[in-house]
Amino acid sequence: MLSATLEQELHRHLHLLPPTQQRQVVDFARSLSLARPQGVTGSSLLEFAGTIPIDDLMQMQAAIEADCEQVDPDEW
C-alpha cells in the first residue's frame, strides 16, 4: 500500500499533467502491476551446483575466450 505522503505526491503531480499524460501514467502503473517475473529462485538452483562436468566447463571457457569480444567490421 502507498504511504499517505507518496500517494499525495503522486496525486499532486498527476493533476499537473494534461489528460493524455495522465492516461500514460495510469497505463504505466497498470503495466507495472501486471508484470510478474518468471523463473525460479536462486536457492532452488543450488542443487545443480557442481553438476557440470569439468571437461564441459573447460570447453565453454575456451569458446567464450575465442569468440567473445571479437569485432567483425563487416557485420553491419
PDB file of N, CA and C in Angstrom:
ATOM      1  N   MET A   1       0.830  -1.176   0.000  1.00  0.00           N
ATOM      2  CA  MET A   1       0.000   0.000   0.000  1.00  0.00           C
ATOM      3  C   MET A   1       0.879   1.247   0.000  1.00  0.00           C
ATOM      4  N   LEU A   2       0.393   2.287  -0.628  1.00  0.00           N
ATOM      5  CA  LEU A   2       1.145   3.532  -0.673  1.00  0.00           C
ATOM      6  C   LEU A   2       1.083   4.248   0.668  1.00  0.00           C
ATOM      7  N   SER A   3       2.189   4.863   1.028  1.00  0.00           N
ATOM      8  CA  SER A   3       2.136   5.708   2.208  1.00  0.00           C
ATOM      9  C   SER A   3       1.345   6.959   1.833  1.00  0.00           C
ATOM     10  N   ALA A   4       0.784   7.614   2.819  1.00  0.00           N
ATOM     11  CA  ALA A   4      -0.052   8.788   2.561  1.00  0.00           C
ATOM     12  C   ALA A   4       0.732   9.873   1.839  1.00  0.00           C
ATOM     13  N   THR A   5       1.983  10.086   2.232  1.00  0.00           N
ATOM     14  CA  THR A   5       2.766  11.144   1.592  1.00  0.00           C
ATOM     15  C   THR A   5       3.090  10.800   0.145  1.00  0.00           C
ATOM     16  N   LEU A   6       3.378   9.550  -0.129  1.00  0.00           N
ATOM     17  CA  LEU A   6       3.668   9.144  -1.502  1.00  0.00           C
ATOM     18  C   LEU A   6       2.425   9.279  -2.368  1.00  0.00           C
ATOM     19  N   GLU A   7       1.301   8.877  -1.832  1.00  0.00           N
ATOM     20  CA  GLU A   7       0.047   8.988  -2.572  1.00  0.00           C
ATOM     21  C   GLU A   7      -0.292  10.455  -2.839  1.00  0.00           C
ATOM     22  N   GLN A   8      -0.076  11.316  -1.861  1.00  0.00           N
ATOM     23  CA  GLN A   8      -0.331  12.749  -2.041  1.00  0.00           C
ATOM     24  C   GLN A   8       0.593  13.336  -3.097  1.00  0.00           C
ATOM     25  N   GLU A   9       1.860  12.942  -3.067  1.00  0.00           N
ATOM     26  CA  GLU A   9       2.813  13.454  -4.051  1.00  0.00           C
ATOM     27  C   GLU A   9       2.429  13.008  -5.455  1.00  0.00           C
ATOM     28  N   LEU A  10       2.081  11.756  -5.594  1.00  0.00           N
ATOM     29  CA  LEU A  10       1.659  11.238  -6.888  1.00  0.00           C
ATOM     30  C   LEU A  10       0.413  11.972  -7.378  1.00  0.00           C
ATOM     31  N   HIS A  11      -0.530  12.172  -6.501  1.00  0.00           N
ATOM     32  CA  HIS A  11      -1.768  12.879  -6.832  1.00  0.00           C
ATOM     33  C   HIS A  11      -1.464  14.305  -7.278  1.00  0.00           C
ATOM     34  N   ARG A  12      -0.578  14.978  -6.571  1.00  0.00           N
ATOM     35  CA  ARG A  12      -0.212  16.359  -6.891  1.00  0.00           C
ATOM     36  C   ARG A  12       0.418  16.439  -8.281  1.00  0.00           C
ATOM     37  N   HIS A  13       1.333  15.539  -8.590  1.00  0.00           N
ATOM     38  CA  HIS A  13       1.982  15.549  -9.903  1.00  0.00           C
ATOM     39  C   HIS A  13       1.009  15.155 -11.008  1.00  0.00           C
ATOM     40  N   LEU A  14       0.148  14.222 -10.720  1.00  0.00           N
ATOM     41  CA  LEU A  14      -0.816  13.765 -11.711  1.00  0.00           C
ATOM     42  C   LEU A  14      -1.736  14.900 -12.143  1.00  0.00           C
ATOM     43  N   HIS A  15      -2.139  15.737 -11.197  1.00  0.00           N
ATOM     44  CA  HIS A  15      -3.030  16.852 -11.521  1.00  0.00           C
ATOM     45  C   HIS A  15      -2.351  17.920 -12.367  1.00  0.00           C
ATOM     46  N   LEU A  16      -1.047  17.952 -12.389  1.00  0.00           N
ATOM     47  CA  LEU A  16      -0.329  18.936 -13.202  1.00  0.00           C
ATOM     48  C   LEU A  16      -0.223  18.517 -14.665  1.00  0.00           C
ATOM     49  N   LEU A  17      -0.500  17.262 -14.941  1.00  0.00           N
ATOM     50  CA  LEU A  17      -0.346  16.730 -16.296  1.00  0.00           C
ATOM     51  C   LEU A  17      -1.621  16.890 -17.111  1.00  0.00           C
ATOM     52  N   PRO A  18      -1.457  17.038 -18.430  1.00  0.00           N
ATOM     53  CA  PRO A  18      -2.636  17.040 -19.299  1.00  0.00           C
ATOM     54  C   PRO A  18      -3.252  15.636 -19.331  1.00  0.00           C
ATOM     55  N   PRO A  19      -4.518  15.531 -19.731  1.00  0.00           N
ATOM     56  CA  PRO A  19      -5.208  14.234 -19.717  1.00  0.00           C
ATOM     57  C   PRO A  19      -4.478  13.116 -20.461  1.00  0.00           C
ATOM     58  N   THR A  20      -3.843  13.425 -21.575  1.00  0.00           N
ATOM     59  CA  THR A  20      -3.151  12.358 -22.319  1.00  0.00           C
ATOM     60  C   THR A  20      -1.996  11.784 -21.514  1.00  0.00           C
ATOM     61  N   GLN A  21      -1.273  12.639 -20.802  1.00  0.00           N
ATOM     62  CA  GLN A  21      -0.170  12.150 -19.987  1.00  0.00           C
ATOM     63  C   GLN A  21      -0.678  11.474 -18.714  1.00  0.00           C
ATOM     64  N   GLN A  22      -1.810  11.917 -18.199  1.00  0.00           N
ATOM     65  CA  GLN A  22      -2.411  11.220 -17.064  1.00  0.00           C
ATOM     66  C   GLN A  22      -2.746   9.789 -17.465  1.00  0.00           C
ATOM     67  N   ARG A  23      -3.274   9.613 -18.676  1.00  0.00           N
ATOM     68  CA  ARG A  23      -3.602   8.280 -19.176  1.00  0.00           C
ATOM     69  C   ARG A  23      -2.328   7.443 -19.280  1.00  0.00           C
ATOM     70  N   GLN A  24      -1.209   8.061 -19.724  1.00  0.00           N
ATOM     71  CA  GLN A  24       0.062   7.337 -19.819  1.00  0.00           C
ATOM     72  C   GLN A  24       0.516   6.854 -18.446  1.00  0.00           C
ATOM     73  N   VAL A  25       0.345   7.701 -17.444  1.00  0.00           N
ATOM     74  CA  VAL A  25       0.736   7.322 -16.081  1.00  0.00           C
ATOM     75  C   VAL A  25      -0.091   6.127 -15.611  1.00  0.00           C
ATOM     76  N   VAL A  26      -1.391   6.177 -15.860  1.00  0.00           N
ATOM     77  CA  VAL A  26      -2.268   5.070 -15.460  1.00  0.00           C
ATOM     78  C   VAL A  26      -1.882   3.794 -16.203  1.00  0.00           C
ATOM     79  N   ASP A  27      -1.643   3.915 -17.509  1.00  0.00           N
ATOM     80  CA  ASP A  27      -1.254   2.742 -18.300  1.00  0.00           C
ATOM     81  C   ASP A  27       0.064   2.157 -17.806  1.00  0.00           C
ATOM     82  N   PHE A  28       1.013   3.041 -17.477  1.00  0.00           N
ATOM     83  CA  PHE A  28       2.304   2.584 -16.983  1.00  0.00           C
ATOM     84  C   PHE A  28       2.145   1.872 -15.640  1.00  0.00           C
ATOM     85  N   ALA A  29       1.361   2.463 -14.745  1.00  0.00           N
ATOM     86  CA  ALA A  29       1.138   1.835 -13.438  1.00  0.00           C
ATOM     87  C   ALA A  29       0.470   0.475 -13.607  1.00  0.00           C
ATOM     88  N   ARG A  30      -0.469   0.393 -14.530  1.00  0.00           N
ATOM     89  CA  ARG A  30      -1.145  -0.882 -14.777  1.00  0.00           C
ATOM     90  C   ARG A  30      -0.148  -1.912 -15.305  1.00  0.00           C
ATOM     91  N   SER A  31       0.728  -1.497 -16.217  1.00  0.00           N
ATOM     92  CA  SER A  31       1.704  -2.444 -16.771  1.00  0.00           C
ATOM     93  C   SER A  31       2.661  -2.939 -15.692  1.00  0.00           C
ATOM     94  N   LEU A  32       3.010  -2.074 -14.755  1.00  0.00           N
ATOM     95  CA  LEU A  32       3.881  -2.495 -13.654  1.00  0.00           C
ATOM     96  C   LEU A  32       3.191  -3.523 -12.770  1.00  0.00           C
ATOM     97  N   SER A  33       1.909  -3.331 -12.542  1.00  0.00           N
ATOM     98  CA  SER A  33       1.204  -4.259 -11.660  1.00  0.00           C
ATOM     99  C   SER A  33       0.959  -5.602 -12.330  1.00  0.00           C
ATOM    100  N   LEU A  34       0.943  -5.629 -13.661  1.00  0.00           N
ATOM    101  CA  LEU A  34       0.718  -6.879 -14.383  1.00  0.00           C
ATOM    102  C   LEU A  34       2.005  -7.658 -14.623  1.00  0.00           C
ATOM    103  N   ALA A  35       3.133  -6.958 -14.589  1.00  0.00           N
ATOM    104  CA  ALA A  35       4.419  -7.607 -14.874  1.00  0.00           C
ATOM    105  C   ALA A  35       4.809  -8.509 -13.706  1.00  0.00           C
ATOM    106  N   ARG A  36       4.992  -9.749 -14.008  1.00  0.00           N
ATOM    107  CA  ARG A  36       5.409 -10.716 -12.996  1.00  0.00           C
ATOM    108  C   ARG A  36       6.672 -11.408 -13.493  1.00  0.00           C
ATOM    109  N   PRO A  37       7.736 -11.355 -12.709  1.00  0.00           N
ATOM    110  CA  PRO A  37       8.955 -12.036 -13.149  1.00  0.00           C
ATOM    111  C   PRO A  37       8.733 -13.541 -13.237  1.00  0.00           C
ATOM    112  N   GLN A  38       9.331 -14.136 -14.250  1.00  0.00           N
ATOM    113  CA  GLN A  38       9.217 -15.575 -14.408  1.00  0.00           C
ATOM    114  C   GLN A  38      10.528 -16.223 -13.997  1.00  0.00           C
ATOM    115  N   GLY A  39      10.455 -17.477 -13.679  1.00  0.00           N
ATOM    116  CA  GLY A  39      11.658 -18.203 -13.316  1.00  0.00           C
ATOM    117  C   GLY A  39      11.552 -18.789 -11.921  1.00  0.00           C
ATOM    118  N   VAL A  40      12.707 -19.151 -11.405  1.00  0.00           N
ATOM    119  CA  VAL A  40      12.767 -19.760 -10.080  1.00  0.00           C
ATOM    120  C   VAL A  40      13.773 -18.995  -9.236  1.00  0.00           C
ATOM    121  N   THR A  41      13.724 -19.206  -7.954  1.00  0.00           N
ATOM    122  CA  THR A  41      14.666 -18.538  -7.065  1.00  0.00           C
ATOM    123  C   THR A  41      16.054 -19.162  -7.213  1.00  0.00           C
ATOM    124  N   GLY A  42      17.053 -18.373  -6.930  1.00  0.00           N
ATOM    125  CA  GLY A  42      18.421 -18.878  -6.991  1.00  0.00           C
ATOM    126  C   GLY A  42      18.658 -20.025  -6.029  1.00  0.00           C
ATOM    127  N   SER A  43      18.034 -19.957  -4.870  1.00  0.00           N
ATOM    128  CA  SER A  43      18.240 -21.025  -3.885  1.00  0.00           C
ATOM    129  C   SER A  43      17.732 -22.372  -4.390  1.00  0.00           C
ATOM    130  N   SER A  44      16.708 -22.355  -5.248  1.00  0.00           N
ATOM    131  CA  SER A  44      16.211 -23.631  -5.773  1.00  0.00           C
ATOM    132  C   SER A  44      17.148 -24.217  -6.827  1.00  0.00           C
ATOM    133  N   LEU A  45      18.075 -23.401  -7.328  1.00  0.00           N
ATOM    134  CA  LEU A  45      19.035 -23.892  -8.319  1.00  0.00           C
ATOM    135  C   LEU A  45      20.310 -24.441  -7.685  1.00  0.00           C
ATOM    136  N   LEU A  46      20.474 -24.252  -6.397  1.00  0.00           N
ATOM    137  CA  LEU A  46      21.694 -24.696  -5.722  1.00  0.00           C
ATOM    138  C   LEU A  46      21.931 -26.191  -5.840  1.00  0.00           C
ATOM    139  N   GLU A  47      20.872 -26.959  -5.988  1.00  0.00           N
ATOM    140  CA  GLU A  47      21.050 -28.408  -6.108  1.00  0.00           C
ATOM    141  C   GLU A  47      21.832 -28.782  -7.370  1.00  0.00           C
ATOM    142  N   PHE A  48      21.895 -27.875  -8.340  1.00  0.00           N
ATOM    143  CA  PHE A  48      22.612 -28.154  -9.581  1.00  0.00           C
ATOM    144  C   PHE A  48      24.073 -27.692  -9.537  1.00  0.00           C
ATOM    145  N   ALA A  49      24.460 -27.002  -8.478  1.00  0.00           N
ATOM    146  CA  ALA A  49      25.832 -26.507  -8.362  1.00  0.00           C
ATOM    147  C   ALA A  49      26.813 -27.670  -8.406  1.00  0.00           C
ATOM    148  N   GLY A  50      27.816 -27.543  -9.257  1.00  0.00           N
ATOM    149  CA  GLY A  50      28.853 -28.560  -9.357  1.00  0.00           C
ATOM    150  C   GLY A  50      28.485 -29.765 -10.195  1.00  0.00           C
ATOM    151  N   THR A  51      27.378 -29.712 -10.916  1.00  0.00           N
ATOM    152  CA  THR A  51      26.953 -30.885 -11.687  1.00  0.00           C
ATOM    153  C   THR A  51      27.435 -30.866 -13.136  1.00  0.00           C
ATOM    154  N   ILE A  52      28.002 -29.750 -13.593  1.00  0.00           N
ATOM    155  CA  ILE A  52      28.518 -29.703 -14.964  1.00  0.00           C
ATOM    156  C   ILE A  52      29.916 -30.310 -14.962  1.00  0.00           C
ATOM    157  N   PRO A  53      30.150 -31.298 -15.810  1.00  0.00           N
ATOM    158  CA  PRO A  53      31.474 -31.931 -15.855  1.00  0.00           C
ATOM    159  C   PRO A  53      32.574 -30.912 -16.186  1.00  0.00           C
ATOM    160  N   ILE A  54      33.744 -31.088 -15.590  1.00  0.00           N
ATOM    161  CA  ILE A  54      34.853 -30.151 -15.764  1.00  0.00           C
ATOM    162  C   ILE A  54      35.253 -30.013 -17.224  1.00  0.00           C
ATOM    163  N   ASP A  55      35.193 -31.090 -18.001  1.00  0.00           N
ATOM    164  CA  ASP A  55      35.531 -31.005 -19.426  1.00  0.00           C
ATOM    165  C   ASP A  55      34.577 -30.071 -20.160  1.00  0.00           C
ATOM    166  N   ASP A  56      33.300 -30.144 -19.831  1.00  0.00           N
ATOM    167  CA  ASP A  56      32.318 -29.250 -20.450  1.00  0.00           C
ATOM    168  C   ASP A  56      32.585 -27.800 -20.071  1.00  0.00           C
ATOM    169  N   LEU A  57      32.927 -27.569 -18.815  1.00  0.00           N
ATOM    170  CA  LEU A  57      33.236 -26.217 -18.367  1.00  0.00           C
ATOM    171  C   LEU A  57      34.455 -25.661 -19.092  1.00  0.00           C
ATOM    172  N   MET A  58      35.454 -26.500 -19.296  1.00  0.00           N
ATOM    173  CA  MET A  58      36.660 -26.057 -19.998  1.00  0.00           C
ATOM    174  C   MET A  58      36.343 -25.729 -21.456  1.00  0.00           C
ATOM    175  N   GLN A  59      35.474 -26.521 -22.091  1.00  0.00           N
ATOM    176  CA  GLN A  59      35.073 -26.238 -23.467  1.00  0.00           C
ATOM    177  C   GLN A  59      34.297 -24.924 -23.547  1.00  0.00           C
ATOM    178  N   MET A  60      33.428 -24.689 -22.586  1.00  0.00           N
ATOM    179  CA  MET A  60      32.674 -23.426 -22.557  1.00  0.00           C
ATOM    180  C   MET A  60      33.617 -22.240 -22.391  1.00  0.00           C
ATOM    181  N   GLN A  61      34.567 -22.375 -21.487  1.00  0.00           N
ATOM    182  CA  GLN A  61      35.510 -21.294 -21.247  1.00  0.00           C
ATOM    183  C   GLN A  61      36.329 -21.018 -22.497  1.00  0.00           C
ATOM    184  N   ALA A  62      36.790 -22.056 -23.177  1.00  0.00           N
ATOM    185  CA  ALA A  62      37.576 -21.877 -24.400  1.00  0.00           C
ATOM    186  C   ALA A  62      36.746 -21.194 -25.478  1.00  0.00           C
ATOM    187  N   ALA A  63      35.487 -21.584 -25.624  1.00  0.00           N
ATOM    188  CA  ALA A  63      34.617 -20.972 -26.629  1.00  0.00           C
ATOM    189  C   ALA A  63      34.377 -19.504 -26.319  1.00  0.00           C
ATOM    190  N   ILE A  64      34.179 -19.183 -25.053  1.00  0.00           N
ATOM    191  CA  ILE A  64      33.962 -17.792 -24.654  1.00  0.00           C
ATOM    192  C   ILE A  64      35.203 -16.965 -24.941  1.00  0.00           C
ATOM    193  N   GLU A  65      36.357 -17.470 -24.561  1.00  0.00           N
ATOM    194  CA  GLU A  65      37.598 -16.727 -24.773  1.00  0.00           C
ATOM    195  C   GLU A  65      37.907 -16.565 -26.255  1.00  0.00           C
ATOM    196  N   ALA A  66      37.546 -17.553 -27.075  1.00  0.00           N
ATOM    197  CA  ALA A  66      37.842 -17.490 -28.504  1.00  0.00           C
ATOM    198  C   ALA A  66      36.885 -16.571 -29.253  1.00  0.00           C
ATOM    199  N   ASP A  67      35.626 -16.546 -28.854  1.00  0.00           N
ATOM    200  CA  ASP A  67      34.622 -15.860 -29.658  1.00  0.00           C
ATOM    201  C   ASP A  67      34.091 -14.557 -29.077  1.00  0.00           C
ATOM    202  N   CYS A  68      34.220 -14.347 -27.801  1.00  0.00           N
ATOM    203  CA  CYS A  68      33.697 -13.121 -27.216  1.00  0.00           C
ATOM    204  C   CYS A  68      34.669 -11.974 -27.443  1.00  0.00           C
ATOM    205  N   GLU A  69      34.116 -10.789 -27.454  1.00  0.00           N
ATOM    206  CA  GLU A  69      34.875  -9.560 -27.639  1.00  0.00           C
ATOM    207  C   GLU A  69      35.584  -9.513 -28.986  1.00  0.00           C
ATOM    208  N   GLN A  70      35.061 -10.241 -29.948  1.00  0.00           N
ATOM    209  CA  GLN A  70      35.588 -10.191 -31.304  1.00  0.00           C
ATOM    210  C   GLN A  70      34.753  -9.192 -32.095  1.00  0.00           C
ATOM    211  N   VAL A  71      35.404  -8.381 -32.897  1.00  0.00           N
ATOM    212  CA  VAL A  71      34.709  -7.394 -33.711  1.00  0.00           C
ATOM    213  C   VAL A  71      34.781  -7.826 -35.161  1.00  0.00           C
ATOM    214  N   ASP A  72      33.619  -7.909 -35.793  1.00  0.00           N
ATOM    215  CA  ASP A  72      33.540  -8.219 -37.216  1.00  0.00           C
ATOM    216  C   ASP A  72      33.155  -6.931 -37.926  1.00  0.00           C
ATOM    217  N   PRO A  73      34.120  -6.249 -38.570  1.00  0.00           N
ATOM    218  CA  PRO A  73      33.832  -4.952 -39.183  1.00  0.00           C
ATOM    219  C   PRO A  73      32.812  -5.043 -40.318  1.00  0.00           C
ATOM    220  N   ASP A  74      32.615  -6.212 -40.895  1.00  0.00           N
ATOM    221  CA  ASP A  74      31.656  -6.364 -41.992  1.00  0.00           C
ATOM    222  C   ASP A  74      30.275  -6.793 -41.506  1.00  0.00           C
ATOM    223  N   GLU A  75      30.109  -6.927 -40.208  1.00  0.00           N
ATOM    224  CA  GLU A  75      28.839  -7.418 -39.680  1.00  0.00           C
ATOM    225  C   GLU A  75      27.696  -6.447 -39.948  1.00  0.00           C
ATOM    226  N   TRP A  76      27.943  -5.169 -39.896  1.00  0.00           N
ATOM    227  CA  TRP A  76      26.886  -4.177 -40.091  1.00  0.00           C
ATOM    228  C   TRP A  76      26.921  -3.706 -41.487  1.00  0.00           C
TER     229      TRP A  76
END
